[in-house]
Amino acid sequence: MPKRKEAIQYAQKGDKDLWHPYGLQGLSTEKFASVVNRILGGRFVLLDLRWPQSFRQ
């Protein structure tokens, strides 16, 4: 298989700013405290897992 002419360029990794509650469970104590403080400060967002009103019975 021939080699590529140019190297593949990927997007740079950014900071994770959207958090799922289950994703917080696996964090170390220090990282958890840091993320929660940023969520409370409005810099990060915690996903809202409630069902929309139209899906509720």
N, C-alpha and C. Protein backbone atom coordinates (compact mmCIF):
# COMPACT_ATOMS: atom_id res chain seq x y z
N MET A 1 0.85 -1.18 0.00
CA MET A 1 0.00 0.00 0.00
C MET A 1 0.90 1.25 0.00
N PRO A 2 0.67 2.16 -0.92
CA PRO A 2 1.52 3.35 -0.99
C PRO A 2 1.31 4.27 0.21
N LYS A 3 2.38 4.99 0.53
CA LYS A 3 2.31 5.94 1.64
C LYS A 3 1.53 7.18 1.22
N ARG A 4 0.94 7.83 2.21
CA ARG A 4 0.22 9.08 1.92
C ARG A 4 1.20 10.18 1.55
N LYS A 5 0.76 11.08 0.70
CA LYS A 5 1.62 12.20 0.31
C LYS A 5 1.75 13.21 1.43
N GLU A 6 0.63 13.41 2.16
CA GLU A 6 0.65 14.37 3.26
C GLU A 6 0.20 13.68 4.54
N ALA A 7 0.71 14.15 5.65
CA ALA A 7 0.31 13.59 6.94
C ALA A 7 -1.12 14.02 7.25
N ILE A 8 -1.84 13.15 7.94
CA ILE A 8 -3.21 13.47 8.33
C ILE A 8 -3.18 14.51 9.43
N GLN A 9 -3.98 15.55 9.29
CA GLN A 9 -4.04 16.60 10.30
C GLN A 9 -5.36 16.49 11.06
N TYR A 10 -5.26 16.36 12.35
CA TYR A 10 -6.44 16.26 13.20
C TYR A 10 -6.67 17.59 13.91
N ALA A 11 -7.91 17.81 14.33
CA ALA A 11 -8.23 19.01 15.10
C ALA A 11 -7.54 18.91 16.46
N GLN A 12 -7.19 20.06 17.01
CA GLN A 12 -6.56 20.07 18.32
C GLN A 12 -7.58 19.74 19.40
N LYS A 13 -7.12 19.04 20.42
CA LYS A 13 -7.99 18.71 21.54
C LYS A 13 -8.26 19.97 22.34
N GLY A 14 -9.52 20.20 22.63
CA GLY A 14 -9.87 21.33 23.46
C GLY A 14 -10.28 20.87 24.85
N ASP A 15 -10.60 21.81 25.70
CA ASP A 15 -11.08 21.47 27.03
C ASP A 15 -12.49 20.92 26.94
N LYS A 16 -12.75 19.91 27.74
CA LYS A 16 -14.08 19.34 27.80
C LYS A 16 -14.93 20.29 28.65
N ASP A 17 -15.99 20.84 28.06
CA ASP A 17 -16.80 21.80 28.80
C ASP A 17 -18.26 21.37 28.94
N LEU A 18 -18.57 20.16 28.47
CA LEU A 18 -19.93 19.63 28.56
C LEU A 18 -19.83 18.28 29.27
N TRP A 19 -20.44 18.16 30.44
CA TRP A 19 -20.27 16.98 31.28
C TRP A 19 -21.56 16.22 31.48
N HIS A 20 -21.49 14.90 31.39
CA HIS A 20 -22.59 14.00 31.72
C HIS A 20 -22.39 13.60 33.19
N PRO A 21 -23.47 13.51 33.98
CA PRO A 21 -23.30 13.16 35.41
C PRO A 21 -22.52 11.85 35.63
N TYR A 22 -22.71 10.86 34.76
CA TYR A 22 -21.97 9.61 34.92
C TYR A 22 -20.47 9.80 34.66
N GLY A 23 -20.12 10.78 33.86
CA GLY A 23 -18.72 11.04 33.60
C GLY A 23 -17.99 11.60 34.81
N LEU A 24 -18.73 12.19 35.73
CA LEU A 24 -18.11 12.75 36.93
C LEU A 24 -17.74 11.66 37.93
N GLN A 25 -18.39 10.51 37.85
CA GLN A 25 -18.18 9.45 38.83
C GLN A 25 -16.78 8.87 38.80
N GLY A 26 -16.15 8.84 37.66
CA GLY A 26 -14.85 8.22 37.54
C GLY A 26 -13.68 9.15 37.80
N LEU A 27 -13.96 10.38 38.15
CA LEU A 27 -12.88 11.35 38.36
C LEU A 27 -12.26 11.21 39.75
N SER A 28 -11.00 11.59 39.86
CA SER A 28 -10.37 11.63 41.17
C SER A 28 -11.02 12.75 41.99
N THR A 29 -10.79 12.74 43.28
CA THR A 29 -11.42 13.72 44.17
C THR A 29 -11.06 15.15 43.78
N GLU A 30 -9.81 15.38 43.47
CA GLU A 30 -9.36 16.73 43.12
C GLU A 30 -9.97 17.20 41.80
N LYS A 31 -9.99 16.31 40.81
CA LYS A 31 -10.55 16.65 39.50
C LYS A 31 -12.06 16.87 39.61
N PHE A 32 -12.74 16.03 40.40
CA PHE A 32 -14.18 16.17 40.61
C PHE A 32 -14.49 17.53 41.20
N ALA A 33 -13.75 17.92 42.24
CA ALA A 33 -13.98 19.22 42.89
C ALA A 33 -13.73 20.36 41.91
N SER A 34 -12.72 20.24 41.08
CA SER A 34 -12.41 21.27 40.11
C SER A 34 -13.52 21.41 39.07
N VAL A 35 -14.00 20.28 38.56
CA VAL A 35 -15.05 20.31 37.54
C VAL A 35 -16.35 20.86 38.13
N VAL A 36 -16.72 20.40 39.32
CA VAL A 36 -17.96 20.88 39.94
C VAL A 36 -17.89 22.38 40.21
N ASN A 37 -16.75 22.87 40.66
CA ASN A 37 -16.61 24.31 40.88
C ASN A 37 -16.78 25.08 39.57
N ARG A 38 -16.28 24.54 38.48
CA ARG A 38 -16.43 25.21 37.18
C ARG A 38 -17.88 25.13 36.68
N ILE A 39 -18.57 24.02 36.99
CA ILE A 39 -19.98 23.91 36.62
C ILE A 39 -20.79 24.95 37.39
N LEU A 40 -20.53 25.04 38.69
CA LEU A 40 -21.25 26.00 39.52
C LEU A 40 -20.92 27.45 39.13
N GLY A 41 -19.72 27.66 38.63
CA GLY A 41 -19.30 28.99 38.19
C GLY A 41 -19.80 29.36 36.81
N GLY A 42 -20.40 28.40 36.10
CA GLY A 42 -20.95 28.68 34.78
C GLY A 42 -19.98 28.50 33.63
N ARG A 43 -18.77 28.02 33.90
CA ARG A 43 -17.81 27.83 32.82
C ARG A 43 -17.99 26.49 32.12
N PHE A 44 -18.49 25.47 32.85
CA PHE A 44 -18.79 24.17 32.27
C PHE A 44 -20.29 23.95 32.36
N VAL A 45 -20.80 23.01 31.57
CA VAL A 45 -22.24 22.73 31.53
C VAL A 45 -22.46 21.28 31.92
N LEU A 46 -23.45 21.04 32.78
CA LEU A 46 -23.86 19.70 33.14
C LEU A 46 -25.07 19.36 32.28
N LEU A 47 -25.03 18.21 31.60
CA LEU A 47 -26.14 17.82 30.73
C LEU A 47 -27.42 17.64 31.53
N ASP A 48 -28.52 18.11 30.99
CA ASP A 48 -29.83 17.96 31.60
C ASP A 48 -30.42 16.65 31.09
N LEU A 49 -30.67 15.70 32.00
CA LEU A 49 -31.11 14.38 31.59
C LEU A 49 -32.61 14.18 31.71
N ARG A 50 -33.33 15.22 32.03
CA ARG A 50 -34.78 15.08 32.15
C ARG A 50 -35.40 14.93 30.77
N TRP A 51 -36.47 14.11 30.70
CA TRP A 51 -37.19 13.93 29.45
C TRP A 51 -37.98 15.18 29.14
N PRO A 52 -38.11 15.55 27.86
CA PRO A 52 -38.95 16.68 27.50
C PRO A 52 -40.40 16.40 27.90
N GLN A 53 -41.15 17.46 28.15
CA GLN A 53 -42.53 17.34 28.59
C GLN A 53 -43.37 16.55 27.60
N SER A 54 -43.08 16.63 26.33
CA SER A 54 -43.88 15.95 25.31
C SER A 54 -43.74 14.43 25.38
N PHE A 55 -42.65 13.92 25.97
CA PHE A 55 -42.44 12.48 26.07
C PHE A 55 -43.01 11.90 27.36
N ARG A 56 -43.33 12.73 28.32
CA ARG A 56 -43.85 12.24 29.60
C ARG A 56 -45.33 11.88 29.45
N GLN A 57 -45.73 10.93 30.24
CA GLN A 57 -47.14 10.53 30.20
C GLN A 57 -47.86 11.00 31.44
